[in-house]
PDB file of N, CA and C in Angstrom:
ATOM      1  N   MET A   1     -44.880 -35.045  20.602  1.00  0.00           N
ATOM      2  CA  MET A   1     -46.281 -34.897  20.272  1.00  0.00           C
ATOM      3  C   MET A   1     -46.499 -33.676  19.387  1.00  0.00           C
ATOM      4  N   PRO A   2     -46.388 -32.472  19.902  1.00  0.00           N
ATOM      5  CA  PRO A   2     -46.609 -31.333  19.011  1.00  0.00           C
ATOM      6  C   PRO A   2     -45.470 -31.175  18.004  1.00  0.00           C
ATOM      7  N   VAL A   3     -45.865 -30.940  16.755  1.00  0.00           N
ATOM      8  CA  VAL A   3     -44.907 -30.656  15.693  1.00  0.00           C
ATOM      9  C   VAL A   3     -45.297 -29.330  15.069  1.00  0.00           C
ATOM     10  N   LEU A   4     -44.348 -28.428  14.997  1.00  0.00           N
ATOM     11  CA  LEU A   4     -44.556 -27.135  14.360  1.00  0.00           C
ATOM     12  C   LEU A   4     -43.623 -27.070  13.164  1.00  0.00           C
ATOM     13  N   LYS A   5     -44.202 -27.013  11.977  1.00  0.00           N
ATOM     14  CA  LYS A   5     -43.429 -26.925  10.744  1.00  0.00           C
ATOM     15  C   LYS A   5     -43.599 -25.518  10.195  1.00  0.00           C
ATOM     16  N   ILE A   6     -42.487 -24.834  10.014  1.00  0.00           N
ATOM     17  CA  ILE A   6     -42.497 -23.460   9.525  1.00  0.00           C
ATOM     18  C   ILE A   6     -41.804 -23.435   8.164  1.00  0.00           C
ATOM     19  N   ILE A   7     -42.497 -22.877   7.179  1.00  0.00           N
ATOM     20  CA  ILE A   7     -41.917 -22.736   5.846  1.00  0.00           C
ATOM     21  C   ILE A   7     -41.932 -21.250   5.505  1.00  0.00           C
ATOM     22  N   SER A   8     -40.812 -20.767   4.981  1.00  0.00           N
ATOM     23  CA  SER A   8     -40.709 -19.345   4.644  1.00  0.00           C
ATOM     24  C   SER A   8     -39.938 -19.168   3.346  1.00  0.00           C
ATOM     25  N   ASN A   9     -40.187 -18.071   2.679  1.00  0.00           N
ATOM     26  CA  ASN A   9     -39.407 -17.730   1.490  1.00  0.00           C
ATOM     27  C   ASN A   9     -38.199 -16.864   1.849  1.00  0.00           C
ATOM     28  N   GLU A  10     -37.948 -16.710   3.127  1.00  0.00           N
ATOM     29  CA  GLU A  10     -36.804 -15.942   3.621  1.00  0.00           C
ATOM     30  C   GLU A  10     -35.717 -16.887   4.140  1.00  0.00           C
ATOM     31  N   SER A  11     -34.497 -16.390   4.238  1.00  0.00           N
ATOM     32  CA  SER A  11     -33.395 -17.099   4.886  1.00  0.00           C
ATOM     33  C   SER A  11     -33.109 -16.400   6.202  1.00  0.00           C
ATOM     34  N   PHE A  12     -32.801 -17.185   7.218  1.00  0.00           N
ATOM     35  CA  PHE A  12     -32.566 -16.642   8.546  1.00  0.00           C
ATOM     36  C   PHE A  12     -31.156 -16.987   8.993  1.00  0.00           C
ATOM     37  N   LEU A  13     -30.452 -15.976   9.517  1.00  0.00           N
ATOM     38  CA  LEU A  13     -29.071 -16.176   9.937  1.00  0.00           C
ATOM     39  C   LEU A  13     -28.973 -16.975  11.232  1.00  0.00           C
ATOM     40  N   LYS A  14     -29.866 -16.730  12.171  1.00  0.00           N
ATOM     41  CA  LYS A  14     -29.803 -17.379  13.481  1.00  0.00           C
ATOM     42  C   LYS A  14     -30.912 -18.422  13.607  1.00  0.00           C
ATOM     43  N   THR A  15     -30.902 -19.379  12.694  1.00  0.00           N
ATOM     44  CA  THR A  15     -31.944 -20.400  12.654  1.00  0.00           C
ATOM     45  C   THR A  15     -32.016 -21.187  13.953  1.00  0.00           C
ATOM     46  N   ASP A  16     -30.885 -21.608  14.475  1.00  0.00           N
ATOM     47  CA  ASP A  16     -30.855 -22.410  15.699  1.00  0.00           C
ATOM     48  C   ASP A  16     -31.505 -21.661  16.866  1.00  0.00           C
ATOM     49  N   GLU A  17     -31.196 -20.387  17.003  1.00  0.00           N
ATOM     50  CA  GLU A  17     -31.767 -19.563  18.072  1.00  0.00           C
ATOM     51  C   GLU A  17     -33.282 -19.426  17.899  1.00  0.00           C
ATOM     52  N   LEU A  18     -33.724 -19.192  16.670  1.00  0.00           N
ATOM     53  CA  LEU A  18     -35.153 -19.065  16.392  1.00  0.00           C
ATOM     54  C   LEU A  18     -35.883 -20.369  16.715  1.00  0.00           C
ATOM     55  N   LEU A  19     -35.307 -21.501  16.328  1.00  0.00           N
ATOM     56  CA  LEU A  19     -35.931 -22.795  16.609  1.00  0.00           C
ATOM     57  C   LEU A  19     -36.038 -23.056  18.113  1.00  0.00           C
ATOM     58  N   LYS A  20     -34.989 -22.751  18.851  1.00  0.00           N
ATOM     59  CA  LYS A  20     -35.007 -22.973  20.309  1.00  0.00           C
ATOM     60  C   LYS A  20     -36.049 -22.088  20.991  1.00  0.00           C
ATOM     61  N   LYS A  21     -36.116 -20.823  20.605  1.00  0.00           N
ATOM     62  CA  LYS A  21     -37.099 -19.912  21.200  1.00  0.00           C
ATOM     63  C   LYS A  21     -38.523 -20.355  20.854  1.00  0.00           C
ATOM     64  N   THR A  22     -38.715 -20.789  19.629  1.00  0.00           N
ATOM     65  CA  THR A  22     -40.035 -21.225  19.189  1.00  0.00           C
ATOM     66  C   THR A  22     -40.455 -22.488  19.929  1.00  0.00           C
ATOM     67  N   SER A  23     -39.539 -23.406  20.125  1.00  0.00           N
ATOM     68  CA  SER A  23     -39.826 -24.635  20.865  1.00  0.00           C
ATOM     69  C   SER A  23     -40.260 -24.333  22.296  1.00  0.00           C
ATOM     70  N   ALA A  24     -39.531 -23.454  22.956  1.00  0.00           N
ATOM     71  CA  ALA A  24     -39.876 -23.076  24.340  1.00  0.00           C
ATOM     72  C   ALA A  24     -41.241 -22.401  24.394  1.00  0.00           C
ATOM     73  N   LEU A  25     -41.513 -21.521  23.443  1.00  0.00           N
ATOM     74  CA  LEU A  25     -42.806 -20.839  23.418  1.00  0.00           C
ATOM     75  C   LEU A  25     -43.941 -21.830  23.192  1.00  0.00           C
ATOM     76  N   LEU A  26     -43.768 -22.756  22.269  1.00  0.00           N
ATOM     77  CA  LEU A  26     -44.817 -23.725  21.984  1.00  0.00           C
ATOM     78  C   LEU A  26     -45.102 -24.610  23.198  1.00  0.00           C
ATOM     79  N   ALA A  27     -44.065 -25.012  23.908  1.00  0.00           N
ATOM     80  CA  ALA A  27     -44.259 -25.789  25.131  1.00  0.00           C
ATOM     81  C   ALA A  27     -45.075 -24.994  26.145  1.00  0.00           C
ATOM     82  N   GLU A  28     -44.766 -23.722  26.267  1.00  0.00           N
ATOM     83  CA  GLU A  28     -45.504 -22.854  27.197  1.00  0.00           C
ATOM     84  C   GLU A  28     -46.962 -22.696  26.768  1.00  0.00           C
ATOM     85  N   ILE A  29     -47.177 -22.411  25.498  1.00  0.00           N
ATOM     86  CA  ILE A  29     -48.529 -22.191  24.982  1.00  0.00           C
ATOM     87  C   ILE A  29     -49.398 -23.440  25.177  1.00  0.00           C
ATOM     88  N   LEU A  30     -48.847 -24.600  24.834  1.00  0.00           N
ATOM     89  CA  LEU A  30     -49.630 -25.834  24.865  1.00  0.00           C
ATOM     90  C   LEU A  30     -49.620 -26.520  26.224  1.00  0.00           C
ATOM     91  N   GLY A  31     -48.717 -26.093  27.111  1.00  0.00           N
ATOM     92  CA  GLY A  31     -48.627 -26.733  28.418  1.00  0.00           C
ATOM     93  C   GLY A  31     -48.123 -28.161  28.327  1.00  0.00           C
ATOM     94  N   LYS A  32     -47.229 -28.410  27.370  1.00  0.00           N
ATOM     95  CA  LYS A  32     -46.666 -29.749  27.178  1.00  0.00           C
ATOM     96  C   LYS A  32     -45.161 -29.686  27.410  1.00  0.00           C
ATOM     97  N   PRO A  33     -44.576 -30.794  27.875  1.00  0.00           N
ATOM     98  CA  PRO A  33     -43.125 -30.801  28.109  1.00  0.00           C
ATOM     99  C   PRO A  33     -42.355 -30.543  26.812  1.00  0.00           C
ATOM    100  N   GLU A  34     -41.358 -29.678  26.908  1.00  0.00           N
ATOM    101  CA  GLU A  34     -40.588 -29.335  25.713  1.00  0.00           C
ATOM    102  C   GLU A  34     -39.858 -30.545  25.135  1.00  0.00           C
ATOM    103  N   LYS A  35     -39.607 -31.552  25.949  1.00  0.00           N
ATOM    104  CA  LYS A  35     -38.889 -32.729  25.439  1.00  0.00           C
ATOM    105  C   LYS A  35     -39.677 -33.461  24.348  1.00  0.00           C
ATOM    106  N   TYR A  36     -40.982 -33.164  24.208  1.00  0.00           N
ATOM    107  CA  TYR A  36     -41.800 -33.778  23.168  1.00  0.00           C
ATOM    108  C   TYR A  36     -42.072 -32.841  21.987  1.00  0.00           C
ATOM    109  N   ILE A  37     -41.613 -31.608  22.059  1.00  0.00           N
ATOM    110  CA  ILE A  37     -41.883 -30.607  21.022  1.00  0.00           C
ATOM    111  C   ILE A  37     -40.878 -30.754  19.880  1.00  0.00           C
ATOM    112  N   MET A  38     -41.381 -30.753  18.654  1.00  0.00           N
ATOM    113  CA  MET A  38     -40.520 -30.762  17.471  1.00  0.00           C
ATOM    114  C   MET A  38     -40.842 -29.525  16.646  1.00  0.00           C
ATOM    115  N   VAL A  39     -39.802 -28.798  16.240  1.00  0.00           N
ATOM    116  CA  VAL A  39     -39.974 -27.604  15.408  1.00  0.00           C
ATOM    117  C   VAL A  39     -39.007 -27.703  14.235  1.00  0.00           C
ATOM    118  N   SER A  40     -39.524 -27.438  13.044  1.00  0.00           N
ATOM    119  CA  SER A  40     -38.643 -27.418  11.870  1.00  0.00           C
ATOM    120  C   SER A  40     -38.847 -26.115  11.120  1.00  0.00           C
ATOM    121  N   LEU A  41     -37.803 -25.692  10.452  1.00  0.00           N
ATOM    122  CA  LEU A  41     -37.845 -24.480   9.639  1.00  0.00           C
ATOM    123  C   LEU A  41     -37.299 -24.819   8.262  1.00  0.00           C
ATOM    124  N   GLU A  42     -38.127 -24.623   7.275  1.00  0.00           N
ATOM    125  CA  GLU A  42     -37.745 -24.911   5.897  1.00  0.00           C
ATOM    126  C   GLU A  42     -37.726 -23.603   5.124  1.00  0.00           C
ATOM    127  N   GLU A  43     -36.634 -23.360   4.442  1.00  0.00           N
ATOM    128  CA  GLU A  43     -36.521 -22.160   3.629  1.00  0.00           C
ATOM    129  C   GLU A  43     -36.796 -22.538   2.179  1.00  0.00           C
ATOM    130  N   ASN A  44     -37.828 -21.924   1.609  1.00  0.00           N
ATOM    131  CA  ASN A  44     -38.235 -22.218   0.252  1.00  0.00           C
ATOM    132  C   ASN A  44     -38.435 -20.897  -0.483  1.00  0.00           C
ATOM    133  N   PRO A  45     -37.464 -20.468  -1.249  1.00  0.00           N
ATOM    134  CA  PRO A  45     -37.574 -19.154  -1.887  1.00  0.00           C
ATOM    135  C   PRO A  45     -38.672 -19.061  -2.942  1.00  0.00           C
ATOM    136  N   ASP A  46     -39.186 -20.199  -3.394  1.00  0.00           N
ATOM    137  CA  ASP A  46     -40.200 -20.203  -4.448  1.00  0.00           C
ATOM    138  C   ASP A  46     -41.607 -20.225  -3.860  1.00  0.00           C
ATOM    139  N   MET A  47     -41.963 -19.154  -3.146  1.00  0.00           N
ATOM    140  CA  MET A  47     -43.285 -19.037  -2.554  1.00  0.00           C
ATOM    141  C   MET A  47     -43.811 -17.622  -2.796  1.00  0.00           C
ATOM    142  N   ILE A  48     -45.115 -17.532  -3.034  1.00  0.00           N
ATOM    143  CA  ILE A  48     -45.766 -16.227  -3.084  1.00  0.00           C
ATOM    144  C   ILE A  48     -47.035 -16.292  -2.249  1.00  0.00           C
ATOM    145  N   PHE A  49     -47.467 -15.138  -1.782  1.00  0.00           N
ATOM    146  CA  PHE A  49     -48.689 -15.019  -0.990  1.00  0.00           C
ATOM    147  C   PHE A  49     -49.320 -13.691  -1.367  1.00  0.00           C
ATOM    148  N   GLY A  50     -50.590 -13.712  -1.725  1.00  0.00           N
ATOM    149  CA  GLY A  50     -51.254 -12.480  -2.128  1.00  0.00           C
ATOM    150  C   GLY A  50     -50.678 -11.887  -3.401  1.00  0.00           C
ATOM    151  N   GLY A  51     -50.099 -12.746  -4.236  1.00  0.00           N
ATOM    152  CA  GLY A  51     -49.553 -12.282  -5.509  1.00  0.00           C
ATOM    153  C   GLY A  51     -48.171 -11.679  -5.440  1.00  0.00           C
ATOM    154  N   THR A  52     -47.535 -11.690  -4.236  1.00  0.00           N
ATOM    155  CA  THR A  52     -46.183 -11.131  -4.122  1.00  0.00           C
ATOM    156  C   THR A  52     -45.253 -12.126  -3.445  1.00  0.00           C
ATOM    157  N   ASN A  53     -43.966 -11.922  -3.645  1.00  0.00           N
ATOM    158  CA  ASN A  53     -42.974 -12.765  -2.976  1.00  0.00           C
ATOM    159  C   ASN A  53     -42.358 -12.047  -1.773  1.00  0.00           C
ATOM    160  N   GLU A  54     -43.083 -11.081  -1.205  1.00  0.00           N
ATOM    161  CA  GLU A  54     -42.628 -10.455   0.044  1.00  0.00           C
ATOM    162  C   GLU A  54     -42.510 -11.547   1.108  1.00  0.00           C
ATOM    163  N   PRO A  55     -41.697 -11.324   2.150  1.00  0.00           N
ATOM    164  CA  PRO A  55     -41.490 -12.350   3.173  1.00  0.00           C
ATOM    165  C   PRO A  55     -42.811 -12.903   3.724  1.00  0.00           C
ATOM    166  N   LEU A  56     -42.828 -14.222   3.914  1.00  0.00           N
ATOM    167  CA  LEU A  56     -44.039 -14.901   4.376  1.00  0.00           C
ATOM    168  C   LEU A  56     -43.693 -16.149   5.191  1.00  0.00           C
ATOM    169  N   PHE A  57     -44.691 -16.629   5.904  1.00  0.00           N
ATOM    170  CA  PHE A  57     -44.613 -17.910   6.619  1.00  0.00           C
ATOM    171  C   PHE A  57     -45.846 -18.730   6.299  1.00  0.00           C
ATOM    172  N   TYR A  58     -45.658 -20.014   6.081  1.00  0.00           N
ATOM    173  CA  TYR A  58     -46.735 -20.996   6.115  1.00  0.00           C
ATOM    174  C   TYR A  58     -46.364 -21.918   7.264  1.00  0.00           C
ATOM    175  N   ILE A  59     -47.291 -22.119   8.191  1.00  0.00           N
ATOM    176  CA  ILE A  59     -47.004 -22.848   9.426  1.00  0.00           C
ATOM    177  C   ILE A  59     -48.023 -23.961   9.596  1.00  0.00           C
ATOM    178  N   GLU A  60     -47.557 -25.128  10.000  1.00  0.00           N
ATOM    179  CA  GLU A  60     -48.436 -26.246  10.339  1.00  0.00           C
ATOM    180  C   GLU A  60     -48.182 -26.625  11.785  1.00  0.00           C
ATOM    181  N   LEU A  61     -49.240 -26.684  12.580  1.00  0.00           N
ATOM    182  CA  LEU A  61     -49.139 -27.138  13.965  1.00  0.00           C
ATOM    183  C   LEU A  61     -50.012 -28.365  14.119  1.00  0.00           C
ATOM    184  N   LYS A  62     -49.385 -29.474  14.476  1.00  0.00           N
ATOM    185  CA  LYS A  62     -50.085 -30.735  14.671  1.00  0.00           C
ATOM    186  C   LYS A  62     -49.772 -31.234  16.071  1.00  0.00           C
ATOM    187  N   SER A  63     -50.821 -31.639  16.794  1.00  0.00           N
ATOM    188  CA  SER A  63     -50.612 -32.104  18.164  1.00  0.00           C
ATOM    189  C   SER A  63     -51.765 -32.988  18.604  1.00  0.00           C
ATOM    190  N   ILE A  64     -51.476 -33.902  19.492  1.00  0.00           N
ATOM    191  CA  ILE A  64     -52.520 -34.701  20.127  1.00  0.00           C
ATOM    192  C   ILE A  64     -53.268 -33.791  21.094  1.00  0.00           C
ATOM    193  N   GLY A  65     -54.579 -33.797  20.990  1.00  0.00           N
ATOM    194  CA  GLY A  65     -55.393 -33.005  21.906  1.00  0.00           C
ATOM    195  C   GLY A  65     -55.283 -31.517  21.684  1.00  0.00           C
ATOM    196  N   LEU A  66     -55.061 -31.089  20.456  1.00  0.00           N
ATOM    197  CA  LEU A  66     -54.970 -29.660  20.164  1.00  0.00           C
ATOM    198  C   LEU A  66     -56.333 -29.025  20.458  1.00  0.00           C
ATOM    199  N   PRO A  67     -56.374 -28.089  21.383  1.00  0.00           N
ATOM    200  CA  PRO A  67     -57.659 -27.524  21.797  1.00  0.00           C
ATOM    201  C   PRO A  67     -58.248 -26.560  20.765  1.00  0.00           C
ATOM    202  N   ARG A  68     -59.299 -26.978  20.111  1.00  0.00           N
ATOM    203  CA  ARG A  68     -59.960 -26.180  19.071  1.00  0.00           C
ATOM    204  C   ARG A  68     -60.366 -24.800  19.594  1.00  0.00           C
ATOM    205  N   ASN A  69     -60.767 -24.743  20.864  1.00  0.00           N
ATOM    206  CA  ASN A  69     -61.220 -23.468  21.435  1.00  0.00           C
ATOM    207  C   ASN A  69     -60.059 -22.520  21.762  1.00  0.00           C
ATOM    208  N   ARG A  70     -58.814 -22.947  21.535  1.00  0.00           N
ATOM    209  CA  ARG A  70     -57.665 -22.087  21.805  1.00  0.00           C
ATOM    210  C   ARG A  70     -56.882 -21.733  20.542  1.00  0.00           C
ATOM    211  N   THR A  71     -57.368 -22.162  19.368  1.00  0.00           N
ATOM    212  CA  THR A  71     -56.588 -21.917  18.155  1.00  0.00           C
ATOM    213  C   THR A  71     -56.415 -20.427  17.855  1.00  0.00           C
ATOM    214  N   LYS A  72     -57.413 -19.619  18.176  1.00  0.00           N
ATOM    215  CA  LYS A  72     -57.293 -18.170  17.946  1.00  0.00           C
ATOM    216  C   LYS A  72     -56.172 -17.594  18.813  1.00  0.00           C
ATOM    217  N   GLU A  73     -56.127 -18.003  20.076  1.00  0.00           N
ATOM    218  CA  GLU A  73     -55.069 -17.541  20.991  1.00  0.00           C
ATOM    219  C   GLU A  73     -53.701 -18.041  20.531  1.00  0.00           C
ATOM    220  N   ILE A  74     -53.627 -19.302  20.141  1.00  0.00           N
ATOM    221  CA  ILE A  74     -52.357 -19.881  19.682  1.00  0.00           C
ATOM    222  C   ILE A  74     -51.883 -19.147  18.432  1.00  0.00           C
ATOM    223  N   SER A  75     -52.802 -18.877  17.511  1.00  0.00           N
ATOM    224  CA  SER A  75     -52.464 -18.137  16.297  1.00  0.00           C
ATOM    225  C   SER A  75     -51.902 -16.761  16.647  1.00  0.00           C
ATOM    226  N   ARG A  76     -52.588 -16.065  17.533  1.00  0.00           N
ATOM    227  CA  ARG A  76     -52.135 -14.723  17.936  1.00  0.00           C
ATOM    228  C   ARG A  76     -50.736 -14.773  18.522  1.00  0.00           C
ATOM    229  N   ARG A  77     -50.513 -15.699  19.448  1.00  0.00           N
ATOM    230  CA  ARG A  77     -49.208 -15.749  20.118  1.00  0.00           C
ATOM    231  C   ARG A  77     -48.087 -16.146  19.173  1.00  0.00           C
ATOM    232  N   LEU A  78     -48.329 -17.136  18.303  1.00  0.00           N
ATOM    233  CA  LEU A  78     -47.295 -17.536  17.344  1.00  0.00           C
ATOM    234  C   LEU A  78     -47.001 -16.415  16.348  1.00  0.00           C
ATOM    235  N   CYS A  79     -48.054 -15.773  15.843  1.00  0.00           N
ATOM    236  CA  CYS A  79     -47.859 -14.684  14.874  1.00  0.00           C
ATOM    237  C   CYS A  79     -47.119 -13.508  15.503  1.00  0.00           C
ATOM    238  N   GLU A  80     -47.509 -13.125  16.718  1.00  0.00           N
ATOM    239  CA  GLU A  80     -46.823 -12.024  17.402  1.00  0.00           C
ATOM    240  C   GLU A  80     -45.352 -12.354  17.621  1.00  0.00           C
ATOM    241  N   PHE A  81     -45.092 -13.563  18.092  1.00  0.00           N
ATOM    242  CA  PHE A  81     -43.713 -13.991  18.365  1.00  0.00           C
ATOM    243  C   PHE A  81     -42.876 -13.976  17.085  1.00  0.00           C
ATOM    244  N   LEU A  82     -43.382 -14.630  16.030  1.00  0.00           N
ATOM    245  CA  LEU A  82     -42.609 -14.707  14.788  1.00  0.00           C
ATOM    246  C   LEU A  82     -42.437 -13.347  14.133  1.00  0.00           C
ATOM    247  N   ALA A  83     -43.451 -12.496  14.223  1.00  0.00           N
ATOM    248  CA  ALA A  83     -43.313 -11.135  13.679  1.00  0.00           C
ATOM    249  C   ALA A  83     -42.225 -10.369  14.423  1.00  0.00           C
ATOM    250  N   GLU A  84     -42.193 -10.514  15.727  1.00  0.00           N
ATOM    251  CA  GLU A  84     -41.184  -9.823  16.536  1.00  0.00           C
ATOM    252  C   GLU A  84     -39.781 -10.356  16.256  1.00  0.00           C
ATOM    253  N   GLU A  85     -39.660 -11.667  16.117  1.00  0.00           N
ATOM    254  CA  GLU A  85     -38.346 -12.292  15.920  1.00  0.00           C
ATOM    255  C   GLU A  85     -37.803 -12.104  14.504  1.00  0.00           C
ATOM    256  N   THR A  86     -38.688 -11.967  13.503  1.00  0.00           N
ATOM    257  CA  THR A  86     -38.237 -11.990  12.113  1.00  0.00           C
ATOM    258  C   THR A  86     -38.612 -10.765  11.295  1.00  0.00           C
ATOM    259  N   ASP A  87     -39.458  -9.902  11.822  1.00  0.00           N
ATOM    260  CA  ASP A  87     -39.963  -8.732  11.096  1.00  0.00           C
ATOM    261  C   ASP A  87     -40.885  -9.096   9.926  1.00  0.00           C
ATOM    262  N   ILE A  88     -41.347 -10.339   9.868  1.00  0.00           N
ATOM    263  CA  ILE A  88     -42.365 -10.711   8.887  1.00  0.00           C
ATOM    264  C   ILE A  88     -43.715 -10.416   9.531  1.00  0.00           C
ATOM    265  N   PRO A  89     -44.541  -9.584   8.905  1.00  0.00           N
ATOM    266  CA  PRO A  89     -45.807  -9.200   9.533  1.00  0.00           C
ATOM    267  C   PRO A  89     -46.798 -10.366   9.624  1.00  0.00           C
ATOM    268  N   ALA A  90     -47.628 -10.319  10.655  1.00  0.00           N
ATOM    269  CA  ALA A  90     -48.601 -11.380  10.912  1.00  0.00           C
ATOM    270  C   ALA A  90     -49.568 -11.576   9.749  1.00  0.00           C
ATOM    271  N   ASN A  91     -49.826 -10.529   8.984  1.00  0.00           N
ATOM    272  CA  ASN A  91     -50.748 -10.684   7.858  1.00  0.00           C
ATOM    273  C   ASN A  91     -50.096 -11.356   6.650  1.00  0.00           C
ATOM    274  N   ARG A  92     -48.855 -11.812   6.826  1.00  0.00           N
ATOM    275  CA  ARG A  92     -48.147 -12.587   5.799  1.00  0.00           C
ATOM    276  C   ARG A  92     -47.897 -14.006   6.297  1.00  0.00           C
ATOM    277  N   MET A  93     -48.759 -14.478   7.210  1.00  0.00           N
ATOM    278  CA  MET A  93     -48.619 -15.816   7.793  1.00  0.00           C
ATOM    279  C   MET A  93     -49.946 -16.557   7.729  1.00  0.00           C
ATOM    280  N   TYR A  94     -49.870 -17.826   7.356  1.00  0.00           N
ATOM    281  CA  TYR A  94     -51.003 -18.740   7.491  1.00  0.00           C
ATOM    282  C   TYR A  94     -50.586 -19.829   8.458  1.00  0.00           C
ATOM    283  N   ILE A  95     -51.534 -20.275   9.286  1.00  0.00           N
ATOM    284  CA  ILE A  95     -51.284 -21.394  10.201  1.00  0.00           C
ATOM    285  C   ILE A  95     -52.371 -22.434   9.986  1.00  0.00           C
ATOM    286  N   GLU A  96     -51.960 -23.663   9.753  1.00  0.00           N
ATOM    287  CA  GLU A  96     -52.887 -24.786   9.657  1.00  0.00           C
ATOM    288  C   GLU A  96     -52.786 -25.603  10.943  1.00  0.00           C
ATOM    289  N   PHE A  97     -53.917 -25.800  11.614  1.00  0.00           N
ATOM    290  CA  PHE A  97     -53.965 -26.569  12.853  1.00  0.00           C
ATOM    291  C   PHE A  97     -54.505 -27.964  12.563  1.00  0.00           C
ATOM    292  N   SER A  98     -53.868 -28.987  13.155  1.00  0.00           N
ATOM    293  CA  SER A  98     -54.330 -30.367  13.012  1.00  0.00           C
ATOM    294  C   SER A  98     -54.275 -31.056  14.361  1.00  0.00           C
ATOM    295  N   ASP A  99     -55.405 -31.649  14.747  1.00  0.00           N
ATOM    296  CA  ASP A  99     -55.481 -32.437  15.967  1.00  0.00           C
ATOM    297  C   ASP A  99     -55.230 -33.889  15.590  1.00  0.00           C
ATOM    298  N   ALA A 100     -54.348 -34.554  16.293  1.00  0.00           N
ATOM    299  CA  ALA A 100     -54.005 -35.940  15.984  1.00  0.00           C
ATOM    300  C   ALA A 100     -54.513 -36.872  17.086  1.00  0.00           C
ATOM    301  N   GLU A 101     -54.942 -38.055  16.700  1.00  0.00           N
ATOM    302  CA  GLU A 101     -55.322 -39.076  17.669  1.00  0.00           C
ATOM    303  C   GLU A 101     -54.057 -39.748  18.188  1.00  0.00           C
ATOM    304  N   GLY A 102     -54.035 -40.036  19.486  1.00  0.00           N
ATOM    305  CA  GLY A 102     -52.859 -40.655  20.092  1.00  0.00           C
ATOM    306  C   GLY A 102     -52.453 -41.958  19.429  1.00  0.00           C
ATOM    307  N   ALA A 103     -53.419 -42.763  19.047  1.00  0.00           N
ATOM    308  CA  ALA A 103     -53.115 -44.053  18.408  1.00  0.00           C
ATOM    309  C   ALA A 103     -52.534 -43.876  17.009  1.00  0.00           C
ATOM    310  N   MET A 104     -52.660 -42.691  16.447  1.00  0.00           N
ATOM    311  CA  MET A 104     -52.148 -42.413  15.108  1.00  0.00           C
ATOM    312  C   MET A 104     -50.847 -41.615  15.146  1.00  0.00           C
ATOM    313  N   TRP A 105     -50.218 -41.578  16.307  1.00  0.00           N
ATOM    314  CA  TRP A 105     -48.982 -40.812  16.486  1.00  0.00           C
ATOM    315  C   TRP A 105     -47.940 -41.742  17.093  1.00  0.00           C
ATOM    316  N   GLY A 106     -46.934 -42.105  16.297  1.00  0.00           N
ATOM    317  CA  GLY A 106     -45.909 -43.031  16.766  1.00  0.00           C
ATOM    318  C   GLY A 106     -44.736 -42.325  17.422  1.00  0.00           C
ATOM    319  N   TRP A 107     -44.174 -42.983  18.414  1.00  0.00           N
ATOM    320  CA  TRP A 107     -42.977 -42.463  19.096  1.00  0.00           C
ATOM    321  C   TRP A 107     -42.320 -43.597  19.868  1.00  0.00           C
ATOM    322  N   ASN A 108     -41.021 -43.687  19.779  1.00  0.00           N
ATOM    323  CA  ASN A 108     -40.224 -44.603  20.601  1.00  0.00           C
ATOM    324  C   ASN A 108     -40.687 -46.050  20.443  1.00  0.00           C
ATOM    325  N   GLY A 109     -41.050 -46.439  19.238  1.00  0.00           N
ATOM    326  CA  GLY A 109     -41.450 -47.814  18.968  1.00  0.00           C
ATOM    327  C   GLY A 109     -42.865 -48.153  19.374  1.00  0.00           C
ATOM    328  N   SER A 110     -43.659 -47.144  19.739  1.00  0.00           N
ATOM    329  CA  SER A 110     -45.048 -47.374  20.143  1.00  0.00           C
ATOM    330  C   SER A 110     -45.890 -46.201  19.647  1.00  0.00           C
ATOM    331  N   THR A 111     -47.035 -45.984  20.266  1.00  0.00           N
ATOM    332  CA  THR A 111     -47.871 -44.828  19.965  1.00  0.00           C
ATOM    333  C   THR A 111     -48.305 -44.193  21.265  1.00  0.00           C
ATOM    334  N   PHE A 112     -48.888 -43.026  21.167  1.00  0.00           N
ATOM    335  CA  PHE A 112     -49.409 -42.348  22.357  1.00  0.00           C
ATOM    336  C   PHE A 112     -50.821 -42.817  22.634  1.00  0.00           C
TER     337      PHE A 112
END
């Protein structure tokens, strides 16, 4: 259900470790089983933010039933976590939140 797509202009040595930690955190934040969490990390060196190519993240979080009243908290927790894990400051991150309808989300040959 929840998909977290992370795009950065940086390269990370311990990508697998970062993905696993991020998956566990997202499951905790959203209160959803980790077996349904998908996290991807895309490295794209051709990105700028604020007119500079200093390290940055663009993040997309899509989930069924994403609570609009918790997006500020989710943003804070994801930004704090990623800043701590990667040394990319929170003010160099954008997060796009998308709530998905269960009927519009396919899995295992059906939908939610």
